PDB file of N, CA and C in Angstrom:
ATOM      1  N   UNK A   1     -15.065  -9.212 -36.581  1.00  0.00           N
ATOM      2  CA  UNK A   1     -16.173  -9.616 -35.755  1.00  0.00           C
ATOM      3  C   UNK A   1     -15.807  -9.587 -34.272  1.00  0.00           C
ATOM      4  N   UNK A   2     -14.570  -9.958 -33.947  1.00  0.00           N
ATOM      5  CA  UNK A   2     -14.135  -9.913 -32.555  1.00  0.00           C
ATOM      6  C   UNK A   2     -14.127  -8.480 -32.051  1.00  0.00           C
ATOM      7  N   UNK A   3     -13.873  -7.559 -32.961  1.00  0.00           N
ATOM      8  CA  UNK A   3     -13.861  -6.148 -32.590  1.00  0.00           C
ATOM      9  C   UNK A   3     -15.251  -5.693 -32.150  1.00  0.00           C
ATOM     10  N   UNK A   4     -16.281  -6.185 -32.821  1.00  0.00           N
ATOM     11  CA  UNK A   4     -17.647  -5.797 -32.474  1.00  0.00           C
ATOM     12  C   UNK A   4     -18.058  -6.308 -31.110  1.00  0.00           C
ATOM     13  N   UNK A   5     -17.664  -7.552 -30.787  1.00  0.00           N
ATOM     14  CA  UNK A   5     -18.076  -8.111 -29.501  1.00  0.00           C
ATOM     15  C   UNK A   5     -17.390  -7.396 -28.342  1.00  0.00           C
ATOM     16  N   UNK A   6     -16.128  -6.956 -28.546  1.00  0.00           N
ATOM     17  CA  UNK A   6     -15.458  -6.233 -27.469  1.00  0.00           C
ATOM     18  C   UNK A   6     -16.004  -4.811 -27.351  1.00  0.00           C
ATOM     19  N   UNK A   7     -16.546  -4.256 -28.451  1.00  0.00           N
ATOM     20  CA  UNK A   7     -17.103  -2.907 -28.409  1.00  0.00           C
ATOM     21  C   UNK A   7     -18.408  -2.894 -27.622  1.00  0.00           C
ATOM     22  N   UNK A   8     -19.115  -4.002 -27.610  1.00  0.00           N
ATOM     23  CA  UNK A   8     -20.378  -4.078 -26.889  1.00  0.00           C
ATOM     24  C   UNK A   8     -20.160  -4.157 -25.380  1.00  0.00           C
ATOM     25  N   UNK A   9     -18.985  -4.563 -24.978  1.00  0.00           N
ATOM     26  CA  UNK A   9     -18.684  -4.663 -23.546  1.00  0.00           C
ATOM     27  C   UNK A   9     -18.356  -3.278 -23.005  1.00  0.00           C
ATOM     28  N   UNK A  10     -18.650  -3.076 -21.748  1.00  0.00           N
ATOM     29  CA  UNK A  10     -18.411  -1.783 -21.110  1.00  0.00           C
ATOM     30  C   UNK A  10     -16.960  -1.719 -20.638  1.00  0.00           C
ATOM     31  N   UNK A  11     -16.041  -1.601 -21.583  1.00  0.00           N
ATOM     32  CA  UNK A  11     -14.622  -1.617 -21.240  1.00  0.00           C
ATOM     33  C   UNK A  11     -14.216  -0.391 -20.424  1.00  0.00           C
ATOM     34  N   UNK A  12     -14.860   0.729 -20.663  1.00  0.00           N
ATOM     35  CA  UNK A  12     -14.525   1.942 -19.914  1.00  0.00           C
ATOM     36  C   UNK A  12     -14.746   1.767 -18.419  1.00  0.00           C
ATOM     37  N   UNK A  13     -15.902   1.253 -18.048  1.00  0.00           N
ATOM     38  CA  UNK A  13     -16.188   1.041 -16.622  1.00  0.00           C
ATOM     39  C   UNK A  13     -15.325  -0.076 -16.041  1.00  0.00           C
ATOM     40  N   UNK A  14     -14.965  -1.065 -16.864  1.00  0.00           N
ATOM     41  CA  UNK A  14     -14.097  -2.144 -16.383  1.00  0.00           C
ATOM     42  C   UNK A  14     -12.713  -1.585 -16.044  1.00  0.00           C
ATOM     43  N   UNK A  15     -12.221  -0.657 -16.854  1.00  0.00           N
ATOM     44  CA  UNK A  15     -10.923  -0.031 -16.571  1.00  0.00           C
ATOM     45  C   UNK A  15     -11.034   0.848 -15.331  1.00  0.00           C
ATOM     46  N   UNK A  16     -12.111   1.607 -15.219  1.00  0.00           N
ATOM     47  CA  UNK A  16     -12.320   2.460 -14.040  1.00  0.00           C
ATOM     48  C   UNK A  16     -12.334   1.612 -12.771  1.00  0.00           C
ATOM     49  N   UNK A  17     -12.833   0.393 -12.869  1.00  0.00           N
ATOM     50  CA  UNK A  17     -12.899  -0.494 -11.703  1.00  0.00           C
ATOM     51  C   UNK A  17     -11.516  -0.723 -11.106  1.00  0.00           C
ATOM     52  N   UNK A  18     -10.494  -0.787 -11.932  1.00  0.00           N
ATOM     53  CA  UNK A  18      -9.135  -1.007 -11.417  1.00  0.00           C
ATOM     54  C   UNK A  18      -8.554   0.244 -10.765  1.00  0.00           C
ATOM     55  N   UNK A  19      -9.067   1.398 -11.131  1.00  0.00           N
ATOM     56  CA  UNK A  19      -8.566   2.644 -10.565  1.00  0.00           C
ATOM     57  C   UNK A  19      -9.355   3.054  -9.323  1.00  0.00           C
ATOM     58  N   UNK A  20     -10.674   2.945  -9.388  1.00  0.00           N
ATOM     59  CA  UNK A  20     -11.573   3.253  -8.269  1.00  0.00           C
ATOM     60  C   UNK A  20     -12.696   2.213  -8.300  1.00  0.00           C
ATOM     61  N   UNK A  21     -12.497   1.097  -7.607  1.00  0.00           N
ATOM     62  CA  UNK A  21     -13.381  -0.053  -7.758  1.00  0.00           C
ATOM     63  C   UNK A  21     -14.850   0.247  -7.462  1.00  0.00           C
ATOM     64  N   UNK A  22     -15.132   1.249  -6.632  1.00  0.00           N
ATOM     65  CA  UNK A  22     -16.512   1.497  -6.215  1.00  0.00           C
ATOM     66  C   UNK A  22     -17.316   2.310  -7.230  1.00  0.00           C
ATOM     67  N   UNK A  23     -16.660   3.012  -8.139  1.00  0.00           N
ATOM     68  CA  UNK A  23     -17.375   3.856  -9.100  1.00  0.00           C
ATOM     69  C   UNK A  23     -18.345   3.049  -9.973  1.00  0.00           C
ATOM     70  N   UNK A  24     -17.919   1.931 -10.576  1.00  0.00           N
ATOM     71  CA  UNK A  24     -18.881   1.163 -11.376  1.00  0.00           C
ATOM     72  C   UNK A  24     -20.055   0.630 -10.556  1.00  0.00           C
ATOM     73  N   UNK A  25     -19.845   0.428  -9.267  1.00  0.00           N
ATOM     74  CA  UNK A  25     -20.917  -0.067  -8.405  1.00  0.00           C
ATOM     75  C   UNK A  25     -21.976   0.996  -8.140  1.00  0.00           C
ATOM     76  N   UNK A  26     -21.652   2.251  -8.420  1.00  0.00           N
ATOM     77  CA  UNK A  26     -22.590   3.352  -8.216  1.00  0.00           C
ATOM     78  C   UNK A  26     -23.376   3.686  -9.482  1.00  0.00           C
ATOM     79  N   UNK A  27     -23.084   2.980 -10.568  1.00  0.00           N
ATOM     80  CA  UNK A  27     -23.733   3.255 -11.849  1.00  0.00           C
ATOM     81  C   UNK A  27     -24.531   2.031 -12.313  1.00  0.00           C
ATOM     82  N   UNK A  28     -25.138   2.148 -13.471  1.00  0.00           N
ATOM     83  CA  UNK A  28     -25.868   1.014 -14.054  1.00  0.00           C
ATOM     84  C   UNK A  28     -24.937  -0.122 -14.456  1.00  0.00           C
ATOM     85  N   UNK A  29     -23.652   0.154 -14.543  1.00  0.00           N
ATOM     86  CA  UNK A  29     -22.681  -0.874 -14.941  1.00  0.00           C
ATOM     87  C   UNK A  29     -22.574  -1.987 -13.894  1.00  0.00           C
ATOM     88  N   UNK A  30     -23.108  -1.748 -12.699  1.00  0.00           N
ATOM     89  CA  UNK A  30     -23.019  -2.766 -11.644  1.00  0.00           C
ATOM     90  C   UNK A  30     -23.748  -4.045 -12.032  1.00  0.00           C
ATOM     91  N   UNK A  31     -24.655  -3.989 -12.982  1.00  0.00           N
ATOM     92  CA  UNK A  31     -25.395  -5.165 -13.420  1.00  0.00           C
ATOM     93  C   UNK A  31     -24.731  -5.885 -14.591  1.00  0.00           C
ATOM     94  N   UNK A  32     -23.678  -5.310 -15.133  1.00  0.00           N
ATOM     95  CA  UNK A  32     -22.961  -5.900 -16.260  1.00  0.00           C
ATOM     96  C   UNK A  32     -21.983  -6.963 -15.746  1.00  0.00           C
ATOM     97  N   UNK A  33     -22.132  -8.230 -16.158  1.00  0.00           N
ATOM     98  CA  UNK A  33     -21.240  -9.292 -15.674  1.00  0.00           C
ATOM     99  C   UNK A  33     -19.770  -9.043 -16.005  1.00  0.00           C
ATOM    100  N   UNK A  34     -19.503  -8.418 -17.153  1.00  0.00           N
ATOM    101  CA  UNK A  34     -18.127  -8.101 -17.541  1.00  0.00           C
ATOM    102  C   UNK A  34     -17.498  -7.118 -16.555  1.00  0.00           C
ATOM    103  N   UNK A  35     -18.239  -6.083 -16.212  1.00  0.00           N
ATOM    104  CA  UNK A  35     -17.736  -5.077 -15.265  1.00  0.00           C
ATOM    105  C   UNK A  35     -17.594  -5.701 -13.880  1.00  0.00           C
ATOM    106  N   UNK A  36     -18.562  -6.502 -13.462  1.00  0.00           N
ATOM    107  CA  UNK A  36     -18.499  -7.159 -12.152  1.00  0.00           C
ATOM    108  C   UNK A  36     -17.252  -8.023 -12.027  1.00  0.00           C
ATOM    109  N   UNK A  37     -16.929  -8.743 -13.086  1.00  0.00           N
ATOM    110  CA  UNK A  37     -15.734  -9.593 -13.094  1.00  0.00           C
ATOM    111  C   UNK A  37     -14.496  -8.763 -12.760  1.00  0.00           C
ATOM    112  N   UNK A  38     -14.359  -7.602 -13.397  1.00  0.00           N
ATOM    113  CA  UNK A  38     -13.174  -6.769 -13.183  1.00  0.00           C
ATOM    114  C   UNK A  38     -13.235  -6.032 -11.846  1.00  0.00           C
ATOM    115  N   UNK A  39     -14.426  -5.697 -11.368  1.00  0.00           N
ATOM    116  CA  UNK A  39     -14.552  -5.076 -10.043  1.00  0.00           C
ATOM    117  C   UNK A  39     -14.074  -6.061  -8.974  1.00  0.00           C
ATOM    118  N   UNK A  40     -14.459  -7.322  -9.100  1.00  0.00           N
ATOM    119  CA  UNK A  40     -14.052  -8.333  -8.116  1.00  0.00           C
ATOM    120  C   UNK A  40     -12.537  -8.474  -8.086  1.00  0.00           C
ATOM    121  N   UNK A  41     -11.910  -8.488  -9.245  1.00  0.00           N
ATOM    122  CA  UNK A  41     -10.450  -8.588  -9.274  1.00  0.00           C
ATOM    123  C   UNK A  41      -9.809  -7.337  -8.675  1.00  0.00           C
ATOM    124  N   UNK A  42     -10.393  -6.184  -8.924  1.00  0.00           N
ATOM    125  CA  UNK A  42      -9.858  -4.941  -8.369  1.00  0.00           C
ATOM    126  C   UNK A  42      -9.960  -4.930  -6.849  1.00  0.00           C
ATOM    127  N   UNK A  43     -11.028  -5.486  -6.310  1.00  0.00           N
ATOM    128  CA  UNK A  43     -11.186  -5.547  -4.851  1.00  0.00           C
ATOM    129  C   UNK A  43     -10.106  -6.434  -4.241  1.00  0.00           C
ATOM    130  N   UNK A  44      -9.823  -7.570  -4.858  1.00  0.00           N
ATOM    131  CA  UNK A  44      -8.770  -8.454  -4.358  1.00  0.00           C
ATOM    132  C   UNK A  44      -7.405  -7.762  -4.454  1.00  0.00           C
ATOM    133  N   UNK A  45      -7.168  -7.018  -5.518  1.00  0.00           N
ATOM    134  CA  UNK A  45      -5.916  -6.261  -5.625  1.00  0.00           C
ATOM    135  C   UNK A  45      -5.812  -5.222  -4.512  1.00  0.00           C
ATOM    136  N   UNK A  46      -6.914  -4.562  -4.203  1.00  0.00           N
ATOM    137  CA  UNK A  46      -6.919  -3.577  -3.119  1.00  0.00           C
ATOM    138  C   UNK A  46      -6.596  -4.244  -1.782  1.00  0.00           C
ATOM    139  N   UNK A  47      -7.188  -5.402  -1.534  1.00  0.00           N
ATOM    140  CA  UNK A  47      -6.913  -6.130  -0.292  1.00  0.00           C
ATOM    141  C   UNK A  47      -5.436  -6.516  -0.233  1.00  0.00           C
ATOM    142  N   UNK A  48      -4.891  -6.979  -1.353  1.00  0.00           N
ATOM    143  CA  UNK A  48      -3.465  -7.317  -1.407  1.00  0.00           C
ATOM    144  C   UNK A  48      -2.586  -6.115  -1.129  1.00  0.00           C
ATOM    145  N   UNK A  49      -2.974  -4.975  -1.677  1.00  0.00           N
ATOM    146  CA  UNK A  49      -2.200  -3.751  -1.432  1.00  0.00           C
ATOM    147  C   UNK A  49      -2.254  -3.357   0.047  1.00  0.00           C
ATOM    148  N   UNK A  50      -3.439  -3.476   0.652  1.00  0.00           N
ATOM    149  CA  UNK A  50      -3.558  -3.147   2.081  1.00  0.00           C
ATOM    150  C   UNK A  50      -2.690  -4.066   2.929  1.00  0.00           C
ATOM    151  N   UNK A  51      -2.666  -5.352   2.598  1.00  0.00           N
ATOM    152  CA  UNK A  51      -1.796  -6.295   3.307  1.00  0.00           C
ATOM    153  C   UNK A  51      -0.341  -5.884   3.129  1.00  0.00           C
ATOM    154  N   UNK A  52       0.023  -5.475   1.931  1.00  0.00           N
ATOM    155  CA  UNK A  52       1.381  -5.025   1.651  1.00  0.00           C
ATOM    156  C   UNK A  52       1.756  -3.810   2.505  1.00  0.00           C
ATOM    157  N   UNK A  53       0.822  -2.884   2.651  1.00  0.00           N
ATOM    158  CA  UNK A  53       1.081  -1.685   3.465  1.00  0.00           C
ATOM    159  C   UNK A  53       1.279  -2.073   4.929  1.00  0.00           C
ATOM    160  N   UNK A  54       0.469  -2.998   5.416  1.00  0.00           N
ATOM    161  CA  UNK A  54       0.599  -3.438   6.813  1.00  0.00           C
ATOM    162  C   UNK A  54       1.938  -4.140   7.031  1.00  0.00           C
ATOM    163  N   UNK A  55       2.313  -5.013   6.112  1.00  0.00           N
ATOM    164  CA  UNK A  55       3.603  -5.705   6.221  1.00  0.00           C
ATOM    165  C   UNK A  55       4.748  -4.699   6.146  1.00  0.00           C
ATOM    166  N   UNK A  56       4.582  -3.649   5.376  1.00  0.00           N
ATOM    167  CA  UNK A  56       5.605  -2.628   5.226  1.00  0.00           C
ATOM    168  C   UNK A  56       5.893  -1.848   6.501  1.00  0.00           C
ATOM    169  N   UNK A  57       5.070  -2.017   7.527  1.00  0.00           N
ATOM    170  CA  UNK A  57       5.302  -1.330   8.794  1.00  0.00           C
ATOM    171  C   UNK A  57       6.426  -1.983   9.604  1.00  0.00           C
ATOM    172  N   UNK A  58       6.774  -3.207   9.232  1.00  0.00           N
ATOM    173  CA  UNK A  58       7.860  -3.917   9.909  1.00  0.00           C
ATOM    174  C   UNK A  58       9.178  -3.481   9.279  1.00  0.00           C
ATOM    175  N   UNK A  59      10.105  -2.968  10.082  1.00  0.00           N
ATOM    176  CA  UNK A  59      11.368  -2.481   9.526  1.00  0.00           C
ATOM    177  C   UNK A  59      12.151  -3.567   8.777  1.00  0.00           C
ATOM    178  N   UNK A  60      12.888  -3.171   7.811  1.00  0.00           N
ATOM    179  CA  UNK A  60      13.816  -3.908   6.960  1.00  0.00           C
ATOM    180  C   UNK A  60      13.158  -5.074   6.209  1.00  0.00           C
ATOM    181  N   UNK A  61      12.915  -6.200   6.847  1.00  0.00           N
ATOM    182  CA  UNK A  61      12.354  -7.357   6.157  1.00  0.00           C
ATOM    183  C   UNK A  61      10.946  -7.047   5.643  1.00  0.00           C
ATOM    184  N   UNK A  62      10.151  -6.381   6.443  1.00  0.00           N
ATOM    185  CA  UNK A  62       8.809  -6.002   6.028  1.00  0.00           C
ATOM    186  C   UNK A  62       8.840  -5.054   4.845  1.00  0.00           C
ATOM    187  N   UNK A  63       9.823  -4.149   4.843  1.00  0.00           N
ATOM    188  CA  UNK A  63       9.946  -3.212   3.735  1.00  0.00           C
ATOM    189  C   UNK A  63      10.238  -3.959   2.438  1.00  0.00           C
ATOM    190  N   UNK A  64      11.124  -4.933   2.513  1.00  0.00           N
ATOM    191  CA  UNK A  64      11.493  -5.702   1.322  1.00  0.00           C
ATOM    192  C   UNK A  64      10.299  -6.505   0.809  1.00  0.00           C
ATOM    193  N   UNK A  65       9.597  -7.169   1.708  1.00  0.00           N
ATOM    194  CA  UNK A  65       8.429  -7.962   1.319  1.00  0.00           C
ATOM    195  C   UNK A  65       7.351  -7.056   0.740  1.00  0.00           C
ATOM    196  N   UNK A  66       7.142  -5.919   1.379  1.00  0.00           N
ATOM    197  CA  UNK A  66       6.137  -4.970   0.915  1.00  0.00           C
ATOM    198  C   UNK A  66       6.485  -4.442  -0.481  1.00  0.00           C
ATOM    199  N   UNK A  67       7.755  -4.178  -0.711  1.00  0.00           N
ATOM    200  CA  UNK A  67       8.193  -3.682  -2.018  1.00  0.00           C
ATOM    201  C   UNK A  67       7.912  -4.717  -3.110  1.00  0.00           C
ATOM    202  N   UNK A  68       8.279  -5.962  -2.842  1.00  0.00           N
ATOM    203  CA  UNK A  68       8.065  -7.035  -3.827  1.00  0.00           C
ATOM    204  C   UNK A  68       6.570  -7.224  -4.080  1.00  0.00           C
ATOM    205  N   UNK A  69       5.783  -7.208  -3.004  1.00  0.00           N
ATOM    206  CA  UNK A  69       4.330  -7.329  -3.165  1.00  0.00           C
ATOM    207  C   UNK A  69       3.773  -6.158  -3.975  1.00  0.00           C
ATOM    208  N   UNK A  70       4.262  -4.966  -3.705  1.00  0.00           N
ATOM    209  CA  UNK A  70       3.796  -3.776  -4.419  1.00  0.00           C
ATOM    210  C   UNK A  70       4.079  -3.851  -5.913  1.00  0.00           C
ATOM    211  N   UNK A  71       5.257  -4.316  -6.269  1.00  0.00           N
ATOM    212  CA  UNK A  71       5.603  -4.467  -7.684  1.00  0.00           C
ATOM    213  C   UNK A  71       4.694  -5.516  -8.325  1.00  0.00           C
ATOM    214  N   UNK A  72       4.476  -6.629  -7.617  1.00  0.00           N
ATOM    215  CA  UNK A  72       3.591  -7.675  -8.131  1.00  0.00           C
ATOM    216  C   UNK A  72       2.172  -7.178  -8.324  1.00  0.00           C
ATOM    217  N   UNK A  73       1.682  -6.414  -7.367  1.00  0.00           N
ATOM    218  CA  UNK A  73       0.323  -5.872  -7.464  1.00  0.00           C
ATOM    219  C   UNK A  73       0.225  -4.882  -8.624  1.00  0.00           C
ATOM    220  N   UNK A  74       1.246  -4.075  -8.817  1.00  0.00           N
ATOM    221  CA  UNK A  74       1.256  -3.133  -9.940  1.00  0.00           C
ATOM    222  C   UNK A  74       1.216  -3.884 -11.279  1.00  0.00           C
ATOM    223  N   UNK A  75       1.981  -4.957 -11.385  1.00  0.00           N
ATOM    224  CA  UNK A  75       1.981  -5.754 -12.616  1.00  0.00           C
ATOM    225  C   UNK A  75       0.605  -6.373 -12.847  1.00  0.00           C
ATOM    226  N   UNK A  76      -0.002  -6.930 -11.789  1.00  0.00           N
ATOM    227  CA  UNK A  76      -1.340  -7.511 -11.920  1.00  0.00           C
ATOM    228  C   UNK A  76      -2.370  -6.446 -12.291  1.00  0.00           C
ATOM    229  N   UNK A  77      -2.234  -5.256 -11.724  1.00  0.00           N
ATOM    230  CA  UNK A  77      -3.135  -4.155 -12.040  1.00  0.00           C
ATOM    231  C   UNK A  77      -3.060  -3.811 -13.525  1.00  0.00           C
ATOM    232  N   UNK A  78      -1.858  -3.701 -14.043  1.00  0.00           N
ATOM    233  CA  UNK A  78      -1.680  -3.390 -15.466  1.00  0.00           C
ATOM    234  C   UNK A  78      -2.228  -4.512 -16.346  1.00  0.00           C
ATOM    235  N   UNK A  79      -2.019  -5.757 -15.933  1.00  0.00           N
ATOM    236  CA  UNK A  79      -2.564  -6.892 -16.694  1.00  0.00           C
ATOM    237  C   UNK A  79      -4.092  -6.833 -16.709  1.00  0.00           C
ATOM    238  N   UNK A  80      -4.695  -6.492 -15.568  1.00  0.00           N
ATOM    239  CA  UNK A  80      -6.142  -6.383 -15.491  1.00  0.00           C
ATOM    240  C   UNK A  80      -6.678  -5.281 -16.389  1.00  0.00           C
ATOM    241  N   UNK A  81      -6.012  -4.143 -16.397  1.00  0.00           N
ATOM    242  CA  UNK A  81      -6.439  -3.032 -17.252  1.00  0.00           C
ATOM    243  C   UNK A  81      -6.327  -3.418 -18.723  1.00  0.00           C
ATOM    244  N   UNK A  82      -5.244  -4.078 -19.089  1.00  0.00           N
ATOM    245  CA  UNK A  82      -5.071  -4.513 -20.481  1.00  0.00           C
ATOM    246  C   UNK A  82      -6.154  -5.518 -20.862  1.00  0.00           C
ATOM    247  N   UNK A  83      -6.448  -6.467 -19.969  1.00  0.00           N
ATOM    248  CA  UNK A  83      -7.520  -7.434 -20.239  1.00  0.00           C
ATOM    249  C   UNK A  83      -8.860  -6.726 -20.429  1.00  0.00           C
ATOM    250  N   UNK A  84      -9.132  -5.742 -19.578  1.00  0.00           N
ATOM    251  CA  UNK A  84     -10.396  -5.001 -19.679  1.00  0.00           C
ATOM    252  C   UNK A  84     -10.472  -4.238 -21.003  1.00  0.00           C
ATOM    253  N   UNK A  85      -9.385  -3.599 -21.389  1.00  0.00           N
ATOM    254  CA  UNK A  85      -9.367  -2.857 -22.651  1.00  0.00           C
ATOM    255  C   UNK A  85      -9.560  -3.775 -23.854  1.00  0.00           C
ATOM    256  N   UNK A  86      -9.075  -5.005 -23.737  1.00  0.00           N
ATOM    257  CA  UNK A  86      -9.221  -5.977 -24.828  1.00  0.00           C
ATOM    258  C   UNK A  86     -10.556  -6.709 -24.784  1.00  0.00           C
ATOM    259  N   UNK A  87     -11.385  -6.408 -23.793  1.00  0.00           N
ATOM    260  CA  UNK A  87     -12.686  -7.052 -23.682  1.00  0.00           C
ATOM    261  C   UNK A  87     -12.606  -8.495 -23.213  1.00  0.00           C
ATOM    262  N   UNK A  88     -11.546  -8.843 -22.487  1.00  0.00           N
ATOM    263  CA  UNK A  88     -11.335 -10.214 -22.037  1.00  0.00           C
ATOM    264  C   UNK A  88     -11.683 -10.379 -20.560  1.00  0.00           C
ATOM    265  N   UNK A  89     -12.173 -11.545 -20.232  1.00  0.00           N
ATOM    266  CA  UNK A  89     -12.458 -11.900 -18.835  1.00  0.00           C
ATOM    267  C   UNK A  89     -11.489 -12.985 -18.394  1.00  0.00           C
ATOM    268  N   UNK A  90     -10.207 -12.686 -18.466  1.00  0.00           N
ATOM    269  CA  UNK A  90      -9.198 -13.651 -18.047  1.00  0.00           C
ATOM    270  C   UNK A  90      -8.865 -13.410 -16.577  1.00  0.00           C
ATOM    271  N   UNK A  91      -8.952 -14.465 -15.752  1.00  0.00           N
ATOM    272  CA  UNK A  91      -8.565 -14.299 -14.347  1.00  0.00           C
ATOM    273  C   UNK A  91      -7.075 -13.960 -14.241  1.00  0.00           C
ATOM    274  N   UNK A  92      -6.761 -13.042 -13.367  1.00  0.00           N
ATOM    275  CA  UNK A  92      -5.365 -12.677 -13.162  1.00  0.00           C
ATOM    276  C   UNK A  92      -4.641 -13.802 -12.427  1.00  0.00           C
ATOM    277  N   UNK A  93      -3.346 -13.986 -12.718  1.00  0.00           N
ATOM    278  CA  UNK A  93      -2.592 -15.024 -12.005  1.00  0.00           C
ATOM    279  C   UNK A  93      -2.609 -14.757 -10.496  1.00  0.00           C
ATOM    280  N   UNK A  94      -2.577 -15.774  -9.723  1.00  0.00           N
ATOM    281  CA  UNK A  94      -2.526 -15.766  -8.259  1.00  0.00           C
ATOM    282  C   UNK A  94      -3.844 -15.322  -7.632  1.00  0.00           C
ATOM    283  N   UNK A  95      -4.372 -14.169  -8.010  1.00  0.00           N
ATOM    284  CA  UNK A  95      -5.553 -13.633  -7.328  1.00  0.00           C
ATOM    285  C   UNK A  95      -6.876 -13.964  -7.994  1.00  0.00           C
ATOM    286  N   UNK A  96      -6.835 -14.390  -9.243  1.00  0.00           N
ATOM    287  CA  UNK A  96      -8.062 -14.632  -9.998  1.00  0.00           C
ATOM    288  C   UNK A  96      -8.990 -15.629  -9.335  1.00  0.00           C
ATOM    289  N   UNK A  97      -8.408 -16.671  -8.739  1.00  0.00           N
ATOM    290  CA  UNK A  97      -9.229 -17.694  -8.090  1.00  0.00           C
ATOM    291  C   UNK A  97      -9.976 -17.143  -6.881  1.00  0.00           C
ATOM    292  N   UNK A  98      -9.407 -16.182  -6.195  1.00  0.00           N
ATOM    293  CA  UNK A  98     -10.070 -15.590  -5.031  1.00  0.00           C
ATOM    294  C   UNK A  98     -11.172 -14.606  -5.463  1.00  0.00           C
ATOM    295  N   UNK A  99     -10.927 -13.914  -6.549  1.00  0.00           N
ATOM    296  CA  UNK A  99     -11.910 -12.953  -7.054  1.00  0.00           C
ATOM    297  C   UNK A  99     -13.181 -13.676  -7.490  1.00  0.00           C
ATOM    298  N   UNK A 100     -13.033 -14.870  -8.057  1.00  0.00           N
ATOM    299  CA  UNK A 100     -14.213 -15.623  -8.505  1.00  0.00           C
ATOM    300  C   UNK A 100     -15.098 -16.051  -7.343  1.00  0.00           C
ATOM    301  N   UNK A 101     -14.528 -16.126  -6.153  1.00  0.00           N
ATOM    302  CA  UNK A 101     -15.303 -16.555  -4.981  1.00  0.00           C
ATOM    303  C   UNK A 101     -16.133 -15.432  -4.361  1.00  0.00           C
ATOM    304  N   UNK A 102     -15.854 -14.190  -4.757  1.00  0.00           N
ATOM    305  CA  UNK A 102     -16.632 -13.059  -4.238  1.00  0.00           C
ATOM    306  C   UNK A 102     -18.035 -13.089  -4.840  1.00  0.00           C
ATOM    307  N   UNK A 103     -19.030 -12.918  -4.004  1.00  0.00           N
ATOM    308  CA  UNK A 103     -20.401 -12.886  -4.486  1.00  0.00           C
ATOM    309  C   UNK A 103     -21.061 -11.573  -4.094  1.00  0.00           C
ATOM    310  N   UNK A 104     -21.488 -10.821  -5.087  1.00  0.00           N
ATOM    311  CA  UNK A 104     -22.288  -9.617  -4.859  1.00  0.00           C
ATOM    312  C   UNK A 104     -23.011  -9.242  -6.109  1.00  0.00           C
TER     313      UNK A 104
END
């Protein structure tokens, strides 16, 4: 029965949201609460990555901080994709609370 409920969710678009967050917003999936949940988390991950790139412009210490942030963001990205594939709406650690505050 759990398999049926996850099949009804648009897991494909939720996964796409982590790769190209704007694509689901251009389709009918933008009205799906499950997809919106994952799009919001993907946007926060993108913002985190941009911050990491900016910090990485500072020689030595910035490079180290940027590297650690990049690895963390990659791990969160993979966790988000796995959650989407499993049909789960689990907030990601650290960033999940910020994603819930996004309204669109």
